[in-house]
Amino acid sequence: MKFINIGFGNMVAVDRVVTLTSPDPAPIKRLIQSAKDDGRAIDVTCGRRARSVIITDSDHVILSAIQAETIAGRLEAGESGIDDTVAEEEEAE
């Protein structure tokens, strides 16, 4: 099972990710609020602004401070079999 770093030492299993998106569109904002209300939201931003939203196959919504493009690159590397064990490289706000 491959894991990718989604910021601040938090990892997510590559095969559990269904969707990766930006938190800006209105439907995604409604999805985030619904997940928070139902207890399905996982906030790993450590107080920073959410820059990406990961939706898993278990309907959990993960908020990350890492940009969606960065996580997408890590997902592609993980799916191609490359071990992505890059040290913490959080992006500054």
Foldseek 3Di string as FASTA:
>chain_A
DAWDDQADPDIDDLVFWDDKDFCPDPVSVVLQVVCVVVVQEAEPQVPDDFGMWTATPVRRIYTGQAHSVVVVVRSVCVVVPHHPPDPGDGDDD
